[in-house]
Amino acid sequence: MLRSILRLIRLNPQSWFFLGFWACVGLLSAGYYFQFVQKLEPCPLCISQRIAIFLAGICFLCAAWHNPGQIGTRRYAITGAVIALIGGAISTRHIWIQHLPPDQVPECGPGLDYVLNNFPLSETIKVMLSGTGDCAEVNWTFLSLSMPTWTLIAFLTLAAISLLQYWNIQDKE
């Protein structure tokens, strides 16, 4: 059944990986638009999500450019899906922090620039992945969903596109 659905769409894995790459470019562009045009400062979890989008995009670009055979396509598909699911886990944590009662929200810490300049890398990563009080603010919504919720939807879509390529193998001539 899955193969017949993929035949209806009629795109080879290379095209799907290119689409995934361009989706990541669009997501990163949207993030920079919100930061530099709308003046919404990203919190540590937002930066972590951007890194995951960037890594997924690099994986998709490598897969499309490399255009490997069956085994390589499956490896790229799994790698892309794992990266997207890690990004989805970060988004889920962000959503969870946004829904905490005010008395349980983590305290606001120093800015990310300060942490990057004055703390070891392990501490910086811990701050970026655990989130701060800044992460609890909801500064933007669309259709009543916050930006981390839309990012989670994007990550799940990227993971699905990537995993579908595991079965969307076409014989090379």
N, C-alpha and C. Protein backbone atom coordinates (compact mmCIF):
# COMPACT_ATOMS: atom_id res chain seq x y z
N MET A 1 0.82 -1.19 0.00
CA MET A 1 0.00 0.00 0.00
C MET A 1 0.87 1.26 0.00
N LEU A 2 1.92 1.27 0.86
CA LEU A 2 2.79 2.43 0.95
C LEU A 2 3.49 2.68 -0.38
N ARG A 3 3.95 1.61 -1.02
CA ARG A 3 4.62 1.76 -2.32
C ARG A 3 3.67 2.31 -3.38
N SER A 4 2.41 1.90 -3.33
CA SER A 4 1.46 2.42 -4.33
C SER A 4 1.19 3.91 -4.10
N ILE A 5 1.16 4.34 -2.83
CA ILE A 5 0.99 5.76 -2.54
C ILE A 5 2.21 6.53 -3.05
N LEU A 6 3.41 5.99 -2.81
CA LEU A 6 4.62 6.66 -3.27
C LEU A 6 4.68 6.70 -4.80
N ARG A 7 4.15 5.67 -5.48
CA ARG A 7 4.11 5.69 -6.95
C ARG A 7 3.19 6.78 -7.46
N LEU A 8 2.10 7.04 -6.73
CA LEU A 8 1.18 8.09 -7.13
C LEU A 8 1.85 9.46 -7.08
N ILE A 9 2.70 9.66 -6.11
CA ILE A 9 3.38 10.94 -5.96
C ILE A 9 4.47 11.10 -7.02
N ARG A 10 5.04 10.01 -7.46
CA ARG A 10 6.01 9.94 -8.55
C ARG A 10 7.26 10.82 -8.39
N LEU A 11 7.77 10.91 -7.22
CA LEU A 11 9.04 11.59 -7.02
C LEU A 11 10.05 10.58 -6.50
N ASN A 12 11.25 10.65 -7.02
CA ASN A 12 12.28 9.75 -6.53
C ASN A 12 12.85 10.28 -5.21
N PRO A 13 13.61 9.47 -4.49
CA PRO A 13 14.14 9.92 -3.20
C PRO A 13 14.98 11.20 -3.31
N GLN A 14 15.74 11.33 -4.38
CA GLN A 14 16.56 12.52 -4.55
C GLN A 14 15.69 13.78 -4.55
N SER A 15 14.56 13.75 -5.26
CA SER A 15 13.66 14.91 -5.30
C SER A 15 13.05 15.18 -3.93
N TRP A 16 12.67 14.12 -3.22
CA TRP A 16 12.10 14.30 -1.88
C TRP A 16 13.13 14.91 -0.93
N PHE A 17 14.38 14.44 -1.01
CA PHE A 17 15.42 15.00 -0.14
C PHE A 17 15.67 16.47 -0.48
N PHE A 18 15.62 16.82 -1.78
CA PHE A 18 15.74 18.24 -2.15
C PHE A 18 14.58 19.05 -1.58
N LEU A 19 13.38 18.51 -1.64
CA LEU A 19 12.23 19.20 -1.05
C LEU A 19 12.41 19.39 0.45
N GLY A 20 12.91 18.35 1.13
CA GLY A 20 13.19 18.46 2.56
C GLY A 20 14.22 19.54 2.85
N PHE A 21 15.27 19.60 2.01
CA PHE A 21 16.29 20.64 2.17
C PHE A 21 15.68 22.02 2.02
N TRP A 22 14.85 22.23 0.98
CA TRP A 22 14.26 23.54 0.76
C TRP A 22 13.24 23.89 1.85
N ALA A 23 12.60 22.89 2.42
CA ALA A 23 11.71 23.14 3.56
C ALA A 23 12.52 23.66 4.75
N CYS A 24 13.69 23.08 4.97
CA CYS A 24 14.56 23.54 6.06
C CYS A 24 15.05 24.96 5.79
N VAL A 25 15.39 25.26 4.54
CA VAL A 25 15.79 26.62 4.20
C VAL A 25 14.65 27.59 4.50
N GLY A 26 13.42 27.20 4.15
CA GLY A 26 12.26 28.04 4.43
C GLY A 26 12.04 28.25 5.92
N LEU A 27 12.20 27.18 6.70
CA LEU A 27 12.03 27.28 8.15
C LEU A 27 13.08 28.20 8.78
N LEU A 28 14.32 28.05 8.35
CA LEU A 28 15.37 28.91 8.88
C LEU A 28 15.15 30.36 8.46
N SER A 29 14.71 30.56 7.23
CA SER A 29 14.42 31.91 6.75
C SER A 29 13.30 32.54 7.57
N ALA A 30 12.28 31.77 7.88
CA ALA A 30 11.19 32.28 8.70
C ALA A 30 11.70 32.66 10.10
N GLY A 31 12.56 31.82 10.66
CA GLY A 31 13.13 32.13 11.97
C GLY A 31 13.92 33.43 11.96
N TYR A 32 14.72 33.63 10.92
CA TYR A 32 15.49 34.88 10.82
C TYR A 32 14.58 36.07 10.54
N TYR A 33 13.50 35.86 9.80
CA TYR A 33 12.53 36.93 9.58
C TYR A 33 11.93 37.37 10.91
N PHE A 34 11.51 36.41 11.72
CA PHE A 34 10.92 36.76 13.02
C PHE A 34 11.95 37.44 13.92
N GLN A 35 13.21 37.02 13.82
CA GLN A 35 14.22 37.61 14.68
C GLN A 35 14.61 39.02 14.23
N PHE A 36 14.88 39.20 12.96
CA PHE A 36 15.45 40.47 12.51
C PHE A 36 14.41 41.47 12.00
N VAL A 37 13.27 41.01 11.50
CA VAL A 37 12.25 41.94 11.02
C VAL A 37 11.19 42.18 12.09
N GLN A 38 10.69 41.10 12.68
CA GLN A 38 9.66 41.23 13.72
C GLN A 38 10.25 41.51 15.10
N LYS A 39 11.57 41.44 15.22
CA LYS A 39 12.29 41.75 16.47
C LYS A 39 11.93 40.82 17.63
N LEU A 40 11.68 39.54 17.33
CA LEU A 40 11.44 38.54 18.37
C LEU A 40 12.77 37.85 18.66
N GLU A 41 13.30 38.07 19.85
CA GLU A 41 14.58 37.47 20.22
C GLU A 41 14.39 35.97 20.49
N PRO A 42 15.20 35.11 19.88
CA PRO A 42 15.07 33.67 20.13
C PRO A 42 15.63 33.29 21.50
N CYS A 43 14.93 32.39 22.15
CA CYS A 43 15.40 31.87 23.43
C CYS A 43 16.36 30.70 23.17
N PRO A 44 17.00 30.15 24.21
CA PRO A 44 17.92 29.04 23.99
C PRO A 44 17.29 27.83 23.30
N LEU A 45 16.03 27.51 23.64
CA LEU A 45 15.39 26.38 22.98
C LEU A 45 15.10 26.68 21.51
N CYS A 46 14.79 27.93 21.20
CA CYS A 46 14.59 28.32 19.79
C CYS A 46 15.88 28.13 19.00
N ILE A 47 17.00 28.54 19.59
CA ILE A 47 18.30 28.37 18.93
C ILE A 47 18.59 26.88 18.73
N SER A 48 18.28 26.07 19.74
CA SER A 48 18.50 24.62 19.62
C SER A 48 17.66 24.03 18.50
N GLN A 49 16.42 24.49 18.36
CA GLN A 49 15.57 24.01 17.28
C GLN A 49 16.12 24.43 15.92
N ARG A 50 16.65 25.64 15.84
CA ARG A 50 17.25 26.09 14.58
C ARG A 50 18.45 25.23 14.21
N ILE A 51 19.23 24.86 15.20
CA ILE A 51 20.39 23.98 14.93
C ILE A 51 19.90 22.64 14.38
N ALA A 52 18.84 22.09 14.97
CA ALA A 52 18.30 20.82 14.49
C ALA A 52 17.76 20.96 13.07
N ILE A 53 17.10 22.06 12.76
CA ILE A 53 16.61 22.29 11.40
C ILE A 53 17.79 22.38 10.43
N PHE A 54 18.84 23.10 10.84
CA PHE A 54 20.03 23.23 10.01
C PHE A 54 20.66 21.86 9.74
N LEU A 55 20.80 21.04 10.79
CA LEU A 55 21.41 19.71 10.62
C LEU A 55 20.55 18.81 9.74
N ALA A 56 19.23 18.88 9.90
CA ALA A 56 18.34 18.10 9.02
C ALA A 56 18.49 18.57 7.58
N GLY A 57 18.56 19.87 7.38
CA GLY A 57 18.74 20.41 6.04
C GLY A 57 20.04 19.94 5.40
N ILE A 58 21.12 19.93 6.18
CA ILE A 58 22.41 19.45 5.67
C ILE A 58 22.31 17.97 5.30
N CYS A 59 21.65 17.18 6.14
CA CYS A 59 21.46 15.75 5.85
C CYS A 59 20.68 15.57 4.55
N PHE A 60 19.59 16.32 4.39
CA PHE A 60 18.78 16.21 3.18
C PHE A 60 19.56 16.66 1.95
N LEU A 61 20.33 17.73 2.07
CA LEU A 61 21.12 18.21 0.94
C LEU A 61 22.17 17.18 0.54
N CYS A 62 22.85 16.61 1.53
CA CYS A 62 23.85 15.57 1.24
C CYS A 62 23.20 14.37 0.56
N ALA A 63 22.04 13.98 1.04
CA ALA A 63 21.34 12.83 0.45
C ALA A 63 20.94 13.13 -0.99
N ALA A 64 20.45 14.33 -1.24
CA ALA A 64 20.02 14.68 -2.59
C ALA A 64 21.22 14.80 -3.52
N TRP A 65 22.28 15.41 -3.04
CA TRP A 65 23.45 15.60 -3.85
C TRP A 65 24.16 14.28 -4.13
N HIS A 66 24.27 13.46 -3.11
CA HIS A 66 24.94 12.17 -3.22
C HIS A 66 24.14 11.21 -4.10
N ASN A 67 22.82 11.26 -3.98
CA ASN A 67 21.92 10.37 -4.73
C ASN A 67 22.40 8.92 -4.68
N PRO A 68 22.44 8.35 -3.46
CA PRO A 68 23.00 7.01 -3.29
C PRO A 68 22.04 5.91 -3.76
N GLY A 69 22.52 4.71 -3.68
CA GLY A 69 21.69 3.55 -3.99
C GLY A 69 20.77 3.23 -2.81
N GLN A 70 20.28 2.02 -2.80
CA GLN A 70 19.28 1.61 -1.81
C GLN A 70 19.79 1.72 -0.38
N ILE A 71 20.96 1.19 -0.11
CA ILE A 71 21.47 1.20 1.26
C ILE A 71 21.76 2.63 1.72
N GLY A 72 22.38 3.43 0.87
CA GLY A 72 22.68 4.81 1.22
C GLY A 72 21.43 5.63 1.45
N THR A 73 20.42 5.43 0.59
CA THR A 73 19.15 6.16 0.76
C THR A 73 18.53 5.81 2.09
N ARG A 74 18.58 4.56 2.45
CA ARG A 74 18.00 4.15 3.74
C ARG A 74 18.78 4.75 4.91
N ARG A 75 20.08 4.82 4.78
CA ARG A 75 20.88 5.43 5.85
C ARG A 75 20.56 6.91 6.00
N TYR A 76 20.49 7.62 4.87
CA TYR A 76 20.13 9.03 4.92
C TYR A 76 18.73 9.22 5.48
N ALA A 77 17.81 8.33 5.09
CA ALA A 77 16.43 8.44 5.56
C ALA A 77 16.36 8.31 7.08
N ILE A 78 17.08 7.34 7.61
CA ILE A 78 17.08 7.14 9.06
C ILE A 78 17.78 8.30 9.76
N THR A 79 18.91 8.74 9.23
CA THR A 79 19.64 9.85 9.84
C THR A 79 18.79 11.12 9.85
N GLY A 80 18.16 11.44 8.72
CA GLY A 80 17.31 12.62 8.64
C GLY A 80 16.14 12.54 9.61
N ALA A 81 15.55 11.37 9.70
CA ALA A 81 14.41 11.20 10.62
C ALA A 81 14.85 11.34 12.07
N VAL A 82 16.00 10.78 12.41
CA VAL A 82 16.50 10.88 13.80
C VAL A 82 16.78 12.33 14.16
N ILE A 83 17.43 13.06 13.25
CA ILE A 83 17.71 14.48 13.51
C ILE A 83 16.40 15.24 13.69
N ALA A 84 15.43 15.00 12.81
CA ALA A 84 14.14 15.70 12.90
C ALA A 84 13.42 15.33 14.20
N LEU A 85 13.49 14.09 14.62
CA LEU A 85 12.82 13.68 15.85
C LEU A 85 13.51 14.26 17.09
N ILE A 86 14.83 14.43 17.03
CA ILE A 86 15.53 15.11 18.13
C ILE A 86 15.06 16.57 18.20
N GLY A 87 14.96 17.21 17.03
CA GLY A 87 14.42 18.57 17.00
C GLY A 87 13.00 18.61 17.53
N GLY A 88 12.21 17.59 17.18
CA GLY A 88 10.84 17.51 17.69
C GLY A 88 10.80 17.36 19.21
N ALA A 89 11.77 16.63 19.75
CA ALA A 89 11.83 16.48 21.21
C ALA A 89 12.15 17.83 21.87
N ILE A 90 13.04 18.60 21.24
CA ILE A 90 13.35 19.94 21.77
C ILE A 90 12.11 20.82 21.71
N SER A 91 11.39 20.75 20.59
CA SER A 91 10.15 21.53 20.46
C SER A 91 9.13 21.12 21.52
N THR A 92 9.04 19.83 21.78
CA THR A 92 8.10 19.33 22.78
C THR A 92 8.45 19.88 24.16
N ARG A 93 9.73 19.91 24.49
CA ARG A 93 10.15 20.49 25.78
C ARG A 93 9.77 21.97 25.83
N HIS A 94 9.96 22.67 24.73
CA HIS A 94 9.62 24.09 24.67
C HIS A 94 8.12 24.30 24.90
N ILE A 95 7.32 23.49 24.26
CA ILE A 95 5.86 23.57 24.44
C ILE A 95 5.50 23.28 25.89
N TRP A 96 6.14 22.28 26.47
CA TRP A 96 5.88 21.91 27.87
C TRP A 96 6.20 23.09 28.80
N ILE A 97 7.35 23.74 28.57
CA ILE A 97 7.72 24.89 29.41
C ILE A 97 6.69 26.01 29.25
N GLN A 98 6.20 26.21 28.03
CA GLN A 98 5.21 27.27 27.81
C GLN A 98 3.90 26.99 28.53
N HIS A 99 3.63 25.75 28.83
CA HIS A 99 2.36 25.39 29.48
C HIS A 99 2.50 25.16 30.99
N LEU A 100 3.68 25.41 31.54
CA LEU A 100 3.86 25.27 32.98
C LEU A 100 3.13 26.39 33.72
N PRO A 101 2.65 26.11 34.92
CA PRO A 101 2.10 27.21 35.73
C PRO A 101 3.22 28.22 36.03
N PRO A 102 2.86 29.49 36.18
CA PRO A 102 3.89 30.53 36.37
C PRO A 102 4.87 30.25 37.51
N ASP A 103 4.42 29.61 38.57
CA ASP A 103 5.32 29.37 39.69
C ASP A 103 6.31 28.23 39.43
N GLN A 104 6.11 27.46 38.36
CA GLN A 104 7.01 26.35 38.05
C GLN A 104 7.93 26.63 36.86
N VAL A 105 7.79 27.79 36.26
CA VAL A 105 8.65 28.16 35.13
C VAL A 105 10.07 28.34 35.63
N PRO A 106 11.07 27.80 34.90
CA PRO A 106 12.46 28.00 35.32
C PRO A 106 12.81 29.48 35.36
N GLU A 107 13.75 29.81 36.21
CA GLU A 107 14.16 31.21 36.32
C GLU A 107 14.86 31.64 35.04
N CYS A 108 14.72 32.93 34.74
CA CYS A 108 15.43 33.49 33.60
C CYS A 108 16.92 33.51 33.92
N GLY A 109 17.70 33.06 32.99
CA GLY A 109 19.14 33.05 33.20
C GLY A 109 19.80 34.16 32.41
N PRO A 110 21.12 34.15 32.40
CA PRO A 110 21.82 35.16 31.60
C PRO A 110 21.56 34.92 30.12
N GLY A 111 21.79 35.90 29.31
CA GLY A 111 21.59 35.78 27.87
C GLY A 111 22.51 34.73 27.27
N LEU A 112 22.12 34.22 26.13
CA LEU A 112 22.89 33.16 25.48
C LEU A 112 24.28 33.64 25.10
N ASP A 113 24.41 34.88 24.69
CA ASP A 113 25.74 35.43 24.37
C ASP A 113 26.66 35.37 25.58
N TYR A 114 26.13 35.73 26.74
CA TYR A 114 26.91 35.70 27.96
C TYR A 114 27.34 34.27 28.30
N VAL A 115 26.40 33.33 28.17
CA VAL A 115 26.69 31.92 28.49
C VAL A 115 27.75 31.38 27.53
N LEU A 116 27.62 31.71 26.24
CA LEU A 116 28.60 31.23 25.25
C LEU A 116 29.99 31.77 25.54
N ASN A 117 30.08 33.01 26.00
CA ASN A 117 31.38 33.63 26.23
C ASN A 117 32.01 33.28 27.57
N ASN A 118 31.20 32.88 28.57
CA ASN A 118 31.73 32.73 29.92
C ASN A 118 31.60 31.34 30.54
N PHE A 119 31.00 30.41 29.85
CA PHE A 119 30.81 29.08 30.42
C PHE A 119 31.40 28.03 29.47
N PRO A 120 31.77 26.88 30.01
CA PRO A 120 32.27 25.81 29.13
C PRO A 120 31.14 25.30 28.21
N LEU A 121 31.54 24.65 27.15
CA LEU A 121 30.58 24.17 26.14
C LEU A 121 29.53 23.26 26.76
N SER A 122 29.92 22.40 27.69
CA SER A 122 28.95 21.47 28.30
C SER A 122 27.85 22.24 29.04
N GLU A 123 28.22 23.31 29.73
CA GLU A 123 27.24 24.12 30.45
C GLU A 123 26.34 24.88 29.47
N THR A 124 26.92 25.36 28.38
CA THR A 124 26.16 26.08 27.36
C THR A 124 25.12 25.15 26.73
N ILE A 125 25.52 23.93 26.41
CA ILE A 125 24.59 22.95 25.83
C ILE A 125 23.47 22.63 26.82
N LYS A 126 23.83 22.50 28.10
CA LYS A 126 22.81 22.22 29.13
C LYS A 126 21.78 23.34 29.18
N VAL A 127 22.24 24.59 29.15
CA VAL A 127 21.32 25.74 29.17
C VAL A 127 20.46 25.74 27.91
N MET A 128 21.08 25.45 26.76
CA MET A 128 20.34 25.49 25.50
C MET A 128 19.26 24.42 25.44
N LEU A 129 19.49 23.27 26.05
CA LEU A 129 18.52 22.18 25.96
C LEU A 129 17.52 22.15 27.11
N SER A 130 17.88 22.75 28.24
CA SER A 130 16.94 22.72 29.37
C SER A 130 15.97 23.90 29.33
N GLY A 131 16.37 24.99 28.72
CA GLY A 131 15.48 26.14 28.62
C GLY A 131 15.56 27.03 29.85
N THR A 132 15.07 28.25 29.68
CA THR A 132 15.04 29.22 30.77
C THR A 132 13.65 29.83 30.83
N GLY A 133 13.48 30.77 31.74
CA GLY A 133 12.19 31.46 31.85
C GLY A 133 11.80 32.18 30.57
N ASP A 134 12.81 32.61 29.80
CA ASP A 134 12.53 33.26 28.52
C ASP A 134 11.75 32.33 27.58
N CYS A 135 11.98 31.04 27.71
CA CYS A 135 11.34 30.06 26.82
C CYS A 135 9.85 29.92 27.10
N ALA A 136 9.40 30.38 28.26
CA ALA A 136 7.99 30.24 28.62
C ALA A 136 7.11 31.30 27.97
N GLU A 137 7.71 32.37 27.49
CA GLU A 137 6.94 33.45 26.87
C GLU A 137 6.38 33.01 25.51
N VAL A 138 5.13 33.34 25.27
CA VAL A 138 4.52 33.09 23.97
C VAL A 138 4.34 34.46 23.31
N ASN A 139 5.23 34.78 22.38
CA ASN A 139 5.22 36.08 21.73
C ASN A 139 4.50 36.09 20.39
N TRP A 140 4.17 34.92 19.87
CA TRP A 140 3.60 34.84 18.54
C TRP A 140 2.73 33.59 18.46
N THR A 141 1.56 33.71 17.86
CA THR A 141 0.71 32.55 17.59
C THR A 141 0.10 32.69 16.21
N PHE A 142 -0.26 31.56 15.65
CA PHE A 142 -0.99 31.51 14.39
C PHE A 142 -1.97 30.34 14.53
N LEU A 143 -3.23 30.61 14.29
CA LEU A 143 -4.29 29.63 14.50
C LEU A 143 -4.24 29.06 15.92
N SER A 144 -3.95 29.91 16.87
CA SER A 144 -3.88 29.58 18.30
C SER A 144 -2.74 28.64 18.67
N LEU A 145 -1.80 28.43 17.76
CA LEU A 145 -0.64 27.58 18.05
C LEU A 145 0.61 28.44 18.12
N SER A 146 1.44 28.17 19.13
CA SER A 146 2.67 28.94 19.30
C SER A 146 3.72 28.49 18.28
N MET A 147 4.79 29.27 18.20
CA MET A 147 5.86 28.96 17.25
C MET A 147 6.49 27.58 17.52
N PRO A 148 6.76 27.21 18.79
CA PRO A 148 7.31 25.86 19.02
C PRO A 148 6.35 24.75 18.57
N THR A 149 5.05 24.99 18.65
CA THR A 149 4.09 23.98 18.21
C THR A 149 4.17 23.83 16.69
N TRP A 150 4.25 24.94 15.98
CA TRP A 150 4.40 24.88 14.52
C TRP A 150 5.73 24.23 14.14
N THR A 151 6.76 24.51 14.93
CA THR A 151 8.06 23.89 14.66
C THR A 151 7.99 22.39 14.89
N LEU A 152 7.27 21.96 15.93
CA LEU A 152 7.08 20.52 16.15
C LEU A 152 6.38 19.88 14.96
N ILE A 153 5.35 20.52 14.45
CA ILE A 153 4.65 20.00 13.27
C ILE A 153 5.61 19.90 12.09
N ALA A 154 6.46 20.91 11.92
CA ALA A 154 7.44 20.89 10.84
C ALA A 154 8.42 19.74 11.02
N PHE A 155 8.91 19.54 12.25
CA PHE A 155 9.85 18.44 12.50
C PHE A 155 9.21 17.09 12.23
N LEU A 156 7.97 16.91 12.65
CA LEU A 156 7.29 15.63 12.41
C LEU A 156 7.08 15.40 10.91
N THR A 157 6.79 16.47 10.18
CA THR A 157 6.64 16.36 8.73
C THR A 157 7.97 16.00 8.08
N LEU A 158 9.04 16.66 8.50
CA LEU A 158 10.37 16.35 7.96
C LEU A 158 10.76 14.90 8.27
N ALA A 159 10.47 14.45 9.47
CA ALA A 159 10.77 13.05 9.83
C ALA A 159 9.97 12.09 8.96
N ALA A 160 8.71 12.41 8.71
CA ALA A 160 7.87 11.54 7.87
C ALA A 160 8.39 11.51 6.44
N ILE A 161 8.73 12.67 5.90
CA ILE A 161 9.27 12.72 4.53
C ILE A 161 10.55 11.90 4.45
N SER A 162 11.39 12.04 5.45
CA SER A 162 12.65 11.31 5.46
C SER A 162 12.41 9.81 5.58
N LEU A 163 11.56 9.39 6.51
CA LEU A 163 11.30 7.96 6.69
C LEU A 163 10.63 7.33 5.48
N LEU A 164 9.79 8.08 4.80
CA LEU A 164 9.15 7.53 3.59
C LEU A 164 10.17 7.13 2.55
N GLN A 165 11.32 7.79 2.55
CA GLN A 165 12.35 7.45 1.56
C GLN A 165 12.98 6.09 1.83
N TYR A 166 12.79 5.59 3.04
CA TYR A 166 13.28 4.25 3.37
C TYR A 166 12.63 3.21 2.45
N TRP A 167 11.36 3.46 2.10
CA TRP A 167 10.63 2.54 1.24
C TRP A 167 10.52 3.03 -0.20
N ASN A 168 10.92 4.26 -0.45
CA ASN A 168 10.78 4.85 -1.77
C ASN A 168 12.06 4.64 -2.59
N ILE A 169 12.55 3.44 -2.58
CA ILE A 169 13.77 3.11 -3.30
C ILE A 169 13.40 2.74 -4.73
N GLN A 170 14.14 3.30 -5.66
CA GLN A 170 13.94 2.96 -7.07
C GLN A 170 15.24 2.41 -7.59
N ASP A 171 15.14 1.39 -8.40
CA ASP A 171 16.34 0.76 -8.96
C ASP A 171 17.08 1.75 -9.84
N LYS A 172 18.40 1.79 -9.66
CA LYS A 172 19.23 2.64 -10.51
C LYS A 172 19.55 1.86 -11.77
N GLU A 173 19.60 2.59 -12.85
CA GLU A 173 19.88 1.91 -14.13
C GLU A 173 21.34 1.98 -14.47
